[in-house]
């Protein structure tokens, strides 16, 4: 039975409604149920699974760096699989992609919150692992303290996200501006031409991705007249590449600061001479066990 409990608690009926199709206030430009009676936004759902291809590749390519630096870095890409959308961070995960696909398949309130909160927590892990020590607030002396602060802020943000759910997506994308600022500060002292090229590609991909996201959200009537309502799905594809490129760059800068003895470098897979590919870090020096020699 679903008796309503006093004091603002939800009845079982209201909880069930939160899982119902189209219970979210968000609705992207793609026509609903156009290709399947069971999938609300078919192209947006299918494009979310692009993360399932990229994430395992990045996990494999970044393993030597993660092994030397911290295996916890793999958590980022594992979480990214679940998020399905993310902002400039290689930090990966399986859950993130699942939640994104579930949200676009149902447009349910629960799907929306799982999708957006998984992105938030991926970002939190990325900040905790990779944020440069020299940019820590003056009252923070070590990464463990900084990580606890990030955790506290993330928990508070998670709770507050239920107050105005329609604003969550805009707030999450604002993190991109802070990441761009952090990247600009870090790149000022960088002379590596491969890193500079990777930075330009990362920013270009992010700008293209965010342009698709905003255009789909604000100019839907135009795209409907043109019968092209797939910009949000294209955002999914562009943002995963921006994440792969941007997170590799951030990991490279982190390796240069935290494990310089490893002589980190940048290469592209499957061929380093190709103009496009999956960027990753190569270590040219002694292993961790010899770092104090």
C-alpha atoms as a PDB file:
ATOM      1  CA  UNK A   1       0.000   0.000   0.000  1.00  0.00           C
ATOM      2  CA  UNK A   2       1.104   3.524  -0.685  1.00  0.00           C
ATOM      3  CA  UNK A   3      -0.087   5.610   2.198  1.00  0.00           C
ATOM      4  CA  UNK A   4       1.078   9.196   2.134  1.00  0.00           C
ATOM      5  CA  UNK A   5       3.327  10.011   5.055  1.00  0.00           C
ATOM      6  CA  UNK A   6       2.995  13.436   6.656  1.00  0.00           C
ATOM      7  CA  UNK A   7       5.915  15.831   6.634  1.00  0.00           C
ATOM      8  CA  UNK A   8       6.558  15.977   2.904  1.00  0.00           C
ATOM      9  CA  UNK A   9       7.507  12.323   2.276  1.00  0.00           C
ATOM     10  CA  UNK A  10       6.415  10.794  -1.003  1.00  0.00           C
ATOM     11  CA  UNK A  11       3.757   8.134  -1.332  1.00  0.00           C
ATOM     12  CA  UNK A  12       4.530   5.005  -3.317  1.00  0.00           C
ATOM     13  CA  UNK A  13       2.371   6.424  -6.124  1.00  0.00           C
ATOM     14  CA  UNK A  14       4.491   9.577  -6.357  1.00  0.00           C
ATOM     15  CA  UNK A  15       7.669   7.523  -6.289  1.00  0.00           C
ATOM     16  CA  UNK A  16       6.321   5.380  -9.118  1.00  0.00           C
ATOM     17  CA  UNK A  17       5.465   8.532 -11.080  1.00  0.00           C
ATOM     18  CA  UNK A  18       9.083   9.654 -10.808  1.00  0.00           C
ATOM     19  CA  UNK A  19      10.059   6.538 -12.786  1.00  0.00           C
ATOM     20  CA  UNK A  20       7.288   7.039 -15.360  1.00  0.00           C
ATOM     21  CA  UNK A  21       7.981   7.907 -18.974  1.00  0.00           C
ATOM     22  CA  UNK A  22       8.197  11.691 -19.608  1.00  0.00           C
ATOM     23  CA  UNK A  23       7.949  12.557 -15.904  1.00  0.00           C
ATOM     24  CA  UNK A  24      10.967  14.845 -16.287  1.00  0.00           C
ATOM     25  CA  UNK A  25      10.428  18.508 -17.147  1.00  0.00           C
ATOM     26  CA  UNK A  26      13.252  18.259 -19.688  1.00  0.00           C
ATOM     27  CA  UNK A  27      12.453  17.340 -23.275  1.00  0.00           C
ATOM     28  CA  UNK A  28      15.087  17.683 -25.977  1.00  0.00           C
ATOM     29  CA  UNK A  29      14.395  18.684 -29.564  1.00  0.00           C
ATOM     30  CA  UNK A  30      14.333  15.200 -31.067  1.00  0.00           C
ATOM     31  CA  UNK A  31      10.829  13.960 -31.897  1.00  0.00           C
ATOM     32  CA  UNK A  32       9.495  11.616 -29.226  1.00  0.00           C
ATOM     33  CA  UNK A  33       8.701   7.993 -30.130  1.00  0.00           C
ATOM     34  CA  UNK A  34       9.611   8.600 -33.772  1.00  0.00           C
ATOM     35  CA  UNK A  35      11.486   5.308 -34.270  1.00  0.00           C
ATOM     36  CA  UNK A  36      10.213   3.170 -31.397  1.00  0.00           C
ATOM     37  CA  UNK A  37       7.143   3.108 -29.204  1.00  0.00           C
ATOM     38  CA  UNK A  38       9.349   2.137 -26.233  1.00  0.00           C
ATOM     39  CA  UNK A  39      12.145   4.703 -26.677  1.00  0.00           C
ATOM     40  CA  UNK A  40      11.247   8.381 -26.301  1.00  0.00           C
ATOM     41  CA  UNK A  41      14.357   9.876 -27.957  1.00  0.00           C
ATOM     42  CA  UNK A  42      15.883   7.180 -30.129  1.00  0.00           C
ATOM     43  CA  UNK A  43      18.936   8.965 -31.574  1.00  0.00           C
ATOM     44  CA  UNK A  44      19.791  10.603 -28.246  1.00  0.00           C
ATOM     45  CA  UNK A  45      19.609   7.173 -26.596  1.00  0.00           C
ATOM     46  CA  UNK A  46      21.722   5.368 -29.208  1.00  0.00           C
ATOM     47  CA  UNK A  47      24.379   8.104 -29.330  1.00  0.00           C
ATOM     48  CA  UNK A  48      24.858   7.753 -25.575  1.00  0.00           C
ATOM     49  CA  UNK A  49      26.400   4.327 -26.125  1.00  0.00           C
ATOM     50  CA  UNK A  50      29.361   5.897 -27.959  1.00  0.00           C
ATOM     51  CA  UNK A  51      30.919   6.091 -24.484  1.00  0.00           C
ATOM     52  CA  UNK A  52      30.921   2.288 -24.333  1.00  0.00           C
ATOM     53  CA  UNK A  53      33.361   2.292 -27.258  1.00  0.00           C
ATOM     54  CA  UNK A  54      35.640   5.105 -26.120  1.00  0.00           C
ATOM     55  CA  UNK A  55      35.844   4.371 -22.385  1.00  0.00           C
ATOM     56  CA  UNK A  56      37.410   0.863 -22.592  1.00  0.00           C
ATOM     57  CA  UNK A  57      39.941   2.167 -25.139  1.00  0.00           C
ATOM     58  CA  UNK A  58      40.925   5.026 -22.833  1.00  0.00           C
ATOM     59  CA  UNK A  59      41.126   2.691 -19.827  1.00  0.00           C
ATOM     60  CA  UNK A  60      43.585   0.514 -21.727  1.00  0.00           C
ATOM     61  CA  UNK A  61      45.651   3.388 -23.142  1.00  0.00           C
ATOM     62  CA  UNK A  62      45.912   5.250 -19.832  1.00  0.00           C
ATOM     63  CA  UNK A  63      46.751   2.221 -17.682  1.00  0.00           C
ATOM     64  CA  UNK A  64      50.574   2.765 -17.655  1.00  0.00           C
ATOM     65  CA  UNK A  65      50.047   6.329 -16.398  1.00  0.00           C
ATOM     66  CA  UNK A  66      47.409   5.270 -13.848  1.00  0.00           C
ATOM     67  CA  UNK A  67      49.638   2.446 -12.602  1.00  0.00           C
ATOM     68  CA  UNK A  68      52.506   4.876 -12.005  1.00  0.00           C
ATOM     69  CA  UNK A  69      50.393   7.745 -10.651  1.00  0.00           C
ATOM     70  CA  UNK A  70      47.352   6.154  -8.983  1.00  0.00           C
ATOM     71  CA  UNK A  71      45.010   3.356 -10.026  1.00  0.00           C
ATOM     72  CA  UNK A  72      42.196   5.479  -8.595  1.00  0.00           C
ATOM     73  CA  UNK A  73      42.375   7.451 -11.836  1.00  0.00           C
ATOM     74  CA  UNK A  74      40.630   4.527 -13.559  1.00  0.00           C
ATOM     75  CA  UNK A  75      37.555   5.320 -11.445  1.00  0.00           C
ATOM     76  CA  UNK A  76      36.997   8.367 -13.612  1.00  0.00           C
ATOM     77  CA  UNK A  77      36.628   6.423 -16.861  1.00  0.00           C
ATOM     78  CA  UNK A  78      34.674   3.626 -15.196  1.00  0.00           C
ATOM     79  CA  UNK A  79      32.169   6.181 -13.886  1.00  0.00           C
ATOM     80  CA  UNK A  80      32.070   7.883 -17.253  1.00  0.00           C
ATOM     81  CA  UNK A  81      30.482   4.908 -18.896  1.00  0.00           C
ATOM     82  CA  UNK A  82      27.523   5.544 -16.622  1.00  0.00           C
ATOM     83  CA  UNK A  83      27.359   9.272 -17.128  1.00  0.00           C
ATOM     84  CA  UNK A  84      27.174   9.397 -20.833  1.00  0.00           C
ATOM     85  CA  UNK A  85      27.848  13.092 -20.924  1.00  0.00           C
ATOM     86  CA  UNK A  86      30.716  14.768 -19.291  1.00  0.00           C
ATOM     87  CA  UNK A  87      32.746  17.894 -19.384  1.00  0.00           C
ATOM     88  CA  UNK A  88      36.455  18.025 -20.141  1.00  0.00           C
ATOM     89  CA  UNK A  89      37.624  15.131 -18.023  1.00  0.00           C
ATOM     90  CA  UNK A  90      39.106  11.833 -18.912  1.00  0.00           C
ATOM     91  CA  UNK A  91      37.775  10.622 -15.637  1.00  0.00           C
ATOM     92  CA  UNK A  92      35.703   7.646 -16.729  1.00  0.00           C
ATOM     93  CA  UNK A  93      32.847   5.384 -15.734  1.00  0.00           C
ATOM     94  CA  UNK A  94      30.423   2.697 -16.933  1.00  0.00           C
ATOM     95  CA  UNK A  95      27.434   4.004 -14.937  1.00  0.00           C
ATOM     96  CA  UNK A  96      27.317   7.405 -16.547  1.00  0.00           C
ATOM     97  CA  UNK A  97      26.580   6.134 -20.053  1.00  0.00           C
ATOM     98  CA  UNK A  98      23.901   3.778 -18.795  1.00  0.00           C
ATOM     99  CA  UNK A  99      22.100   6.570 -16.945  1.00  0.00           C
ATOM    100  CA  UNK A 100      22.200   8.889 -19.965  1.00  0.00           C
ATOM    101  CA  UNK A 101      20.743   6.229 -22.241  1.00  0.00           C
ATOM    102  CA  UNK A 102      18.067   5.415 -19.648  1.00  0.00           C
ATOM    103  CA  UNK A 103      17.116   9.087 -19.333  1.00  0.00           C
ATOM    104  CA  UNK A 104      16.742   9.679 -23.079  1.00  0.00           C
ATOM    105  CA  UNK A 105      14.900   6.393 -23.497  1.00  0.00           C
ATOM    106  CA  UNK A 106      12.277   7.328 -20.878  1.00  0.00           C
ATOM    107  CA  UNK A 107      12.616  11.083 -20.138  1.00  0.00           C
ATOM    108  CA  UNK A 108      11.771  10.117 -16.558  1.00  0.00           C
ATOM    109  CA  UNK A 109      12.576  12.293 -13.565  1.00  0.00           C
ATOM    110  CA  UNK A 110      14.654   9.518 -12.009  1.00  0.00           C
ATOM    111  CA  UNK A 111      16.571   9.087 -15.266  1.00  0.00           C
ATOM    112  CA  UNK A 112      17.286  12.818 -15.395  1.00  0.00           C
ATOM    113  CA  UNK A 113      18.632  12.895 -11.840  1.00  0.00           C
ATOM    114  CA  UNK A 114      20.755   9.766 -12.296  1.00  0.00           C
ATOM    115  CA  UNK A 115      22.224  11.182 -15.491  1.00  0.00           C
ATOM    116  CA  UNK A 116      23.006  14.623 -14.069  1.00  0.00           C
ATOM    117  CA  UNK A 117      24.227  13.461 -10.670  1.00  0.00           C
ATOM    118  CA  UNK A 118      26.521  10.873 -12.245  1.00  0.00           C
ATOM    119  CA  UNK A 119      28.125  13.707 -14.232  1.00  0.00           C
ATOM    120  CA  UNK A 120      28.500  15.722 -11.038  1.00  0.00           C
ATOM    121  CA  UNK A 121      30.257  12.859  -9.250  1.00  0.00           C
ATOM    122  CA  UNK A 122      32.555  12.164 -12.217  1.00  0.00           C
ATOM    123  CA  UNK A 123      33.577  15.816 -12.109  1.00  0.00           C
ATOM    124  CA  UNK A 124      34.123  15.556  -8.360  1.00  0.00           C
ATOM    125  CA  UNK A 125      36.455  12.578  -8.785  1.00  0.00           C
ATOM    126  CA  UNK A 126      38.314  14.447 -11.515  1.00  0.00           C
ATOM    127  CA  UNK A 127      38.782  17.523  -9.362  1.00  0.00           C
ATOM    128  CA  UNK A 128      39.937  15.430  -6.401  1.00  0.00           C
ATOM    129  CA  UNK A 129      42.498  13.502  -8.453  1.00  0.00           C
ATOM    130  CA  UNK A 130      43.787  16.062 -10.943  1.00  0.00           C
ATOM    131  CA  UNK A 131      43.232  19.605  -9.712  1.00  0.00           C
ATOM    132  CA  UNK A 132      46.720  21.253  -9.574  1.00  0.00           C
ATOM    133  CA  UNK A 133      48.173  21.604  -6.086  1.00  0.00           C
ATOM    134  CA  UNK A 134      49.409  25.124  -6.840  1.00  0.00           C
ATOM    135  CA  UNK A 135      45.802  26.235  -7.358  1.00  0.00           C
ATOM    136  CA  UNK A 136      44.545  24.861  -4.047  1.00  0.00           C
ATOM    137  CA  UNK A 137      42.945  27.441  -1.717  1.00  0.00           C
ATOM    138  CA  UNK A 138      45.513  28.874   0.710  1.00  0.00           C
ATOM    139  CA  UNK A 139      43.998  27.063   3.702  1.00  0.00           C
ATOM    140  CA  UNK A 140      44.439  23.616   2.065  1.00  0.00           C
ATOM    141  CA  UNK A 141      47.866  21.998   2.387  1.00  0.00           C
ATOM    142  CA  UNK A 142      47.432  18.524   0.916  1.00  0.00           C
ATOM    143  CA  UNK A 143      45.321  16.611  -1.613  1.00  0.00           C
ATOM    144  CA  UNK A 144      43.499  14.496   0.970  1.00  0.00           C
ATOM    145  CA  UNK A 145      42.113  17.638   2.629  1.00  0.00           C
ATOM    146  CA  UNK A 146      41.190  19.052  -0.777  1.00  0.00           C
ATOM    147  CA  UNK A 147      39.434  15.773  -1.653  1.00  0.00           C
ATOM    148  CA  UNK A 148      37.368  15.937   1.538  1.00  0.00           C
ATOM    149  CA  UNK A 149      36.358  19.498   0.675  1.00  0.00           C
ATOM    150  CA  UNK A 150      35.335  18.395  -2.834  1.00  0.00           C
ATOM    151  CA  UNK A 151      33.311  15.547  -1.305  1.00  0.00           C
ATOM    152  CA  UNK A 152      31.499  17.929   1.057  1.00  0.00           C
ATOM    153  CA  UNK A 153      30.658  20.369  -1.745  1.00  0.00           C
ATOM    154  CA  UNK A 154      29.493  17.511  -3.976  1.00  0.00           C
ATOM    155  CA  UNK A 155      27.178  16.116  -1.297  1.00  0.00           C
ATOM    156  CA  UNK A 156      25.652  19.570  -0.708  1.00  0.00           C
ATOM    157  CA  UNK A 157      25.287  20.141  -4.450  1.00  0.00           C
ATOM    158  CA  UNK A 158      23.667  16.716  -4.859  1.00  0.00           C
ATOM    159  CA  UNK A 159      21.032  17.575  -2.257  1.00  0.00           C
ATOM    160  CA  UNK A 160      20.392  21.045  -3.675  1.00  0.00           C
ATOM    161  CA  UNK A 161      20.010  19.706  -7.223  1.00  0.00           C
ATOM    162  CA  UNK A 162      16.512  18.474  -6.349  1.00  0.00           C
ATOM    163  CA  UNK A 163      15.350  22.036  -5.610  1.00  0.00           C
ATOM    164  CA  UNK A 164      15.366  23.186  -9.261  1.00  0.00           C
ATOM    165  CA  UNK A 165      16.102  20.143 -11.469  1.00  0.00           C
ATOM    166  CA  UNK A 166      15.661  22.042 -14.753  1.00  0.00           C
ATOM    167  CA  UNK A 167      18.637  24.252 -13.845  1.00  0.00           C
ATOM    168  CA  UNK A 168      21.000  21.343 -13.209  1.00  0.00           C
ATOM    169  CA  UNK A 169      22.165  20.908 -16.797  1.00  0.00           C
ATOM    170  CA  UNK A 170      23.033  24.597 -17.130  1.00  0.00           C
ATOM    171  CA  UNK A 171      24.900  24.569 -13.809  1.00  0.00           C
ATOM    172  CA  UNK A 172      26.897  21.489 -14.804  1.00  0.00           C
ATOM    173  CA  UNK A 173      27.961  23.049 -18.089  1.00  0.00           C
ATOM    174  CA  UNK A 174      29.231  26.088 -16.186  1.00  0.00           C
ATOM    175  CA  UNK A 175      31.950  23.827 -14.797  1.00  0.00           C
ATOM    176  CA  UNK A 176      33.368  23.890 -18.306  1.00  0.00           C
ATOM    177  CA  UNK A 177      34.221  27.569 -17.888  1.00  0.00           C
ATOM    178  CA  UNK A 178      36.191  26.881 -14.726  1.00  0.00           C
ATOM    179  CA  UNK A 179      37.968  23.995 -16.391  1.00  0.00           C
ATOM    180  CA  UNK A 180      38.901  26.237 -19.312  1.00  0.00           C
ATOM    181  CA  UNK A 181      40.318  28.796 -16.870  1.00  0.00           C
ATOM    182  CA  UNK A 182      42.332  26.111 -15.047  1.00  0.00           C
ATOM    183  CA  UNK A 183      43.618  24.760 -18.349  1.00  0.00           C
ATOM    184  CA  UNK A 184      44.640  28.254 -19.495  1.00  0.00           C
ATOM    185  CA  UNK A 185      46.605  28.805 -16.272  1.00  0.00           C
ATOM    186  CA  UNK A 186      48.379  25.474 -16.634  1.00  0.00           C
ATOM    187  CA  UNK A 187      49.195  25.930 -20.324  1.00  0.00           C
ATOM    188  CA  UNK A 188      50.931  29.292 -19.789  1.00  0.00           C
ATOM    189  CA  UNK A 189      54.151  27.521 -18.820  1.00  0.00           C
ATOM    190  CA  UNK A 190      53.852  24.669 -21.322  1.00  0.00           C
ATOM    191  CA  UNK A 191      56.165  24.584 -24.338  1.00  0.00           C
ATOM    192  CA  UNK A 192      55.401  21.048 -25.542  1.00  0.00           C
ATOM    193  CA  UNK A 193      53.976  21.443 -29.056  1.00  0.00           C
ATOM    194  CA  UNK A 194      51.964  18.212 -28.825  1.00  0.00           C
ATOM    195  CA  UNK A 195      50.370  19.408 -25.598  1.00  0.00           C
ATOM    196  CA  UNK A 196      49.579  22.812 -27.094  1.00  0.00           C
ATOM    197  CA  UNK A 197      47.980  21.139 -30.116  1.00  0.00           C
ATOM    198  CA  UNK A 198      45.989  18.838 -27.858  1.00  0.00           C
ATOM    199  CA  UNK A 199      44.786  21.845 -25.851  1.00  0.00           C
ATOM    200  CA  UNK A 200      43.525  23.561 -29.021  1.00  0.00           C
ATOM    201  CA  UNK A 201      41.744  20.395 -30.158  1.00  0.00           C
ATOM    202  CA  UNK A 202      40.172  19.893 -26.714  1.00  0.00           C
ATOM    203  CA  UNK A 203      38.829  23.440 -26.580  1.00  0.00           C
ATOM    204  CA  UNK A 204      37.583  23.275 -30.185  1.00  0.00           C
ATOM    205  CA  UNK A 205      35.704  20.035 -29.512  1.00  0.00           C
ATOM    206  CA  UNK A 206      34.207  21.450 -26.313  1.00  0.00           C
ATOM    207  CA  UNK A 207      33.071  24.648 -28.099  1.00  0.00           C
ATOM    208  CA  UNK A 208      31.463  22.606 -30.895  1.00  0.00           C
ATOM    209  CA  UNK A 209      29.803  20.309 -28.362  1.00  0.00           C
ATOM    210  CA  UNK A 210      28.424  23.090 -26.172  1.00  0.00           C
ATOM    211  CA  UNK A 211      27.215  24.941 -29.285  1.00  0.00           C
ATOM    212  CA  UNK A 212      25.195  21.877 -30.273  1.00  0.00           C
ATOM    213  CA  UNK A 213      23.797  21.567 -26.742  1.00  0.00           C
ATOM    214  CA  UNK A 214      22.738  25.229 -26.553  1.00  0.00           C
ATOM    215  CA  UNK A 215      21.340  25.292 -30.096  1.00  0.00           C
ATOM    216  CA  UNK A 216      19.270  22.170 -29.483  1.00  0.00           C
ATOM    217  CA  UNK A 217      17.937  23.707 -26.275  1.00  0.00           C
ATOM    218  CA  UNK A 218      17.233  27.270 -27.439  1.00  0.00           C
ATOM    219  CA  UNK A 219      16.668  26.995 -31.202  1.00  0.00           C
ATOM    220  CA  UNK A 220      14.538  23.869 -31.373  1.00  0.00           C
ATOM    221  CA  UNK A 221      11.798  25.462 -33.505  1.00  0.00           C
ATOM    222  CA  UNK A 222      14.386  26.297 -36.182  1.00  0.00           C
ATOM    223  CA  UNK A 223      15.757  22.758 -36.293  1.00  0.00           C
ATOM    224  CA  UNK A 224      12.244  21.316 -36.371  1.00  0.00           C
ATOM    225  CA  UNK A 225      11.453  23.422 -39.446  1.00  0.00           C
ATOM    226  CA  UNK A 226      14.650  22.094 -41.034  1.00  0.00           C
ATOM    227  CA  UNK A 227      13.709  18.560 -39.945  1.00  0.00           C
ATOM    228  CA  UNK A 228      17.084  18.139 -38.229  1.00  0.00           C
ATOM    229  CA  UNK A 229      16.527  17.556 -34.511  1.00  0.00           C
ATOM    230  CA  UNK A 230      19.649  15.566 -33.684  1.00  0.00           C
ATOM    231  CA  UNK A 231      22.022  18.156 -32.233  1.00  0.00           C
ATOM    232  CA  UNK A 232      21.795  16.734 -28.715  1.00  0.00           C
ATOM    233  CA  UNK A 233      22.866  13.324 -30.012  1.00  0.00           C
ATOM    234  CA  UNK A 234      25.761  14.981 -31.856  1.00  0.00           C
ATOM    235  CA  UNK A 235      26.650  16.692 -28.545  1.00  0.00           C
ATOM    236  CA  UNK A 236      27.000  13.235 -26.987  1.00  0.00           C
ATOM    237  CA  UNK A 237      29.543  12.186 -29.604  1.00  0.00           C
ATOM    238  CA  UNK A 238      31.486  15.444 -29.563  1.00  0.00           C
ATOM    239  CA  UNK A 239      31.623  15.692 -25.778  1.00  0.00           C
ATOM    240  CA  UNK A 240      33.019  12.202 -25.303  1.00  0.00           C
ATOM    241  CA  UNK A 241      35.842  13.090 -27.693  1.00  0.00           C
ATOM    242  CA  UNK A 242      36.351  16.399 -25.882  1.00  0.00           C
ATOM    243  CA  UNK A 243      36.526  14.456 -22.618  1.00  0.00           C
ATOM    244  CA  UNK A 244      39.046  11.989 -24.074  1.00  0.00           C
ATOM    245  CA  UNK A 245      41.255  14.779 -25.408  1.00  0.00           C
ATOM    246  CA  UNK A 246      40.850  17.148 -22.454  1.00  0.00           C
ATOM    247  CA  UNK A 247      41.305  14.570 -19.742  1.00  0.00           C
ATOM    248  CA  UNK A 248      44.439  13.212 -21.421  1.00  0.00           C
ATOM    249  CA  UNK A 249      45.857  16.728 -21.523  1.00  0.00           C
ATOM    250  CA  UNK A 250      45.023  17.279 -17.854  1.00  0.00           C
ATOM    251  CA  UNK A 251      46.541  13.902 -16.988  1.00  0.00           C
ATOM    252  CA  UNK A 252      49.694  14.839 -18.922  1.00  0.00           C
ATOM    253  CA  UNK A 253      50.022  18.130 -17.014  1.00  0.00           C
ATOM    254  CA  UNK A 254      49.404  16.226 -13.780  1.00  0.00           C
ATOM    255  CA  UNK A 255      52.107  13.692 -14.650  1.00  0.00           C
ATOM    256  CA  UNK A 256      54.547  16.501 -15.474  1.00  0.00           C
ATOM    257  CA  UNK A 257      53.916  18.054 -12.043  1.00  0.00           C
ATOM    258  CA  UNK A 258      53.502  14.969  -9.850  1.00  0.00           C
ATOM    259  CA  UNK A 259      55.710  12.300 -11.433  1.00  0.00           C
ATOM    260  CA  UNK A 260      58.239  14.235 -13.551  1.00  0.00           C
ATOM    261  CA  UNK A 261      60.811  11.441 -13.077  1.00  0.00           C
ATOM    262  CA  UNK A 262      58.700   9.295 -15.433  1.00  0.00           C
ATOM    263  CA  UNK A 263      59.350  11.685 -18.361  1.00  0.00           C
ATOM    264  CA  UNK A 264      55.754  11.678 -19.609  1.00  0.00           C
ATOM    265  CA  UNK A 265      55.002  12.246 -23.285  1.00  0.00           C
ATOM    266  CA  UNK A 266      51.948  12.333 -25.558  1.00  0.00           C
ATOM    267  CA  UNK A 267      51.130   9.909 -28.363  1.00  0.00           C
ATOM    268  CA  UNK A 268      48.070   9.047 -30.446  1.00  0.00           C
ATOM    269  CA  UNK A 269      46.513   5.630 -30.993  1.00  0.00           C
ATOM    270  CA  UNK A 270      46.351   3.766 -33.329  1.00  0.00           C
ATOM    271  CA  UNK A 271      49.041   5.757 -35.179  1.00  0.00           C
ATOM    272  CA  UNK A 272      50.995   8.648 -33.737  1.00  0.00           C
ATOM    273  CA  UNK A 273      51.461  10.179 -37.200  1.00  0.00           C
ATOM    274  CA  UNK A 274      47.736  10.467 -37.874  1.00  0.00           C
ATOM    275  CA  UNK A 275      46.038  13.843 -37.538  1.00  0.00           C
ATOM    276  CA  UNK A 276      43.287  12.292 -35.408  1.00  0.00           C
ATOM    277  CA  UNK A 277      43.225   9.437 -32.914  1.00  0.00           C
ATOM    278  CA  UNK A 278      42.983   8.665 -29.220  1.00  0.00           C
ATOM    279  CA  UNK A 279      45.595  10.595 -27.203  1.00  0.00           C
ATOM    280  CA  UNK A 280      47.383   8.870 -24.340  1.00  0.00           C
ATOM    281  CA  UNK A 281      50.423   9.249 -22.105  1.00  0.00           C
ATOM    282  CA  UNK A 282      53.658   7.315 -22.538  1.00  0.00           C
ATOM    283  CA  UNK A 283      56.241   7.099 -19.751  1.00  0.00           C
ATOM    284  CA  UNK A 284      59.870   6.944 -20.788  1.00  0.00           C
ATOM    285  CA  UNK A 285      61.686   6.501 -17.487  1.00  0.00           C
ATOM    286  CA  UNK A 286      62.149   4.253 -14.503  1.00  0.00           C
ATOM    287  CA  UNK A 287      59.203   2.756 -12.624  1.00  0.00           C
ATOM    288  CA  UNK A 288      57.751   4.098  -9.391  1.00  0.00           C
ATOM    289  CA  UNK A 289      59.916   1.829  -7.283  1.00  0.00           C
ATOM    290  CA  UNK A 290      62.992   3.648  -8.577  1.00  0.00           C
ATOM    291  CA  UNK A 291      61.718   7.224  -8.333  1.00  0.00           C
ATOM    292  CA  UNK A 292      63.860   8.061  -5.303  1.00  0.00           C
ATOM    293  CA  UNK A 293      67.076   6.625  -6.738  1.00  0.00           C
END
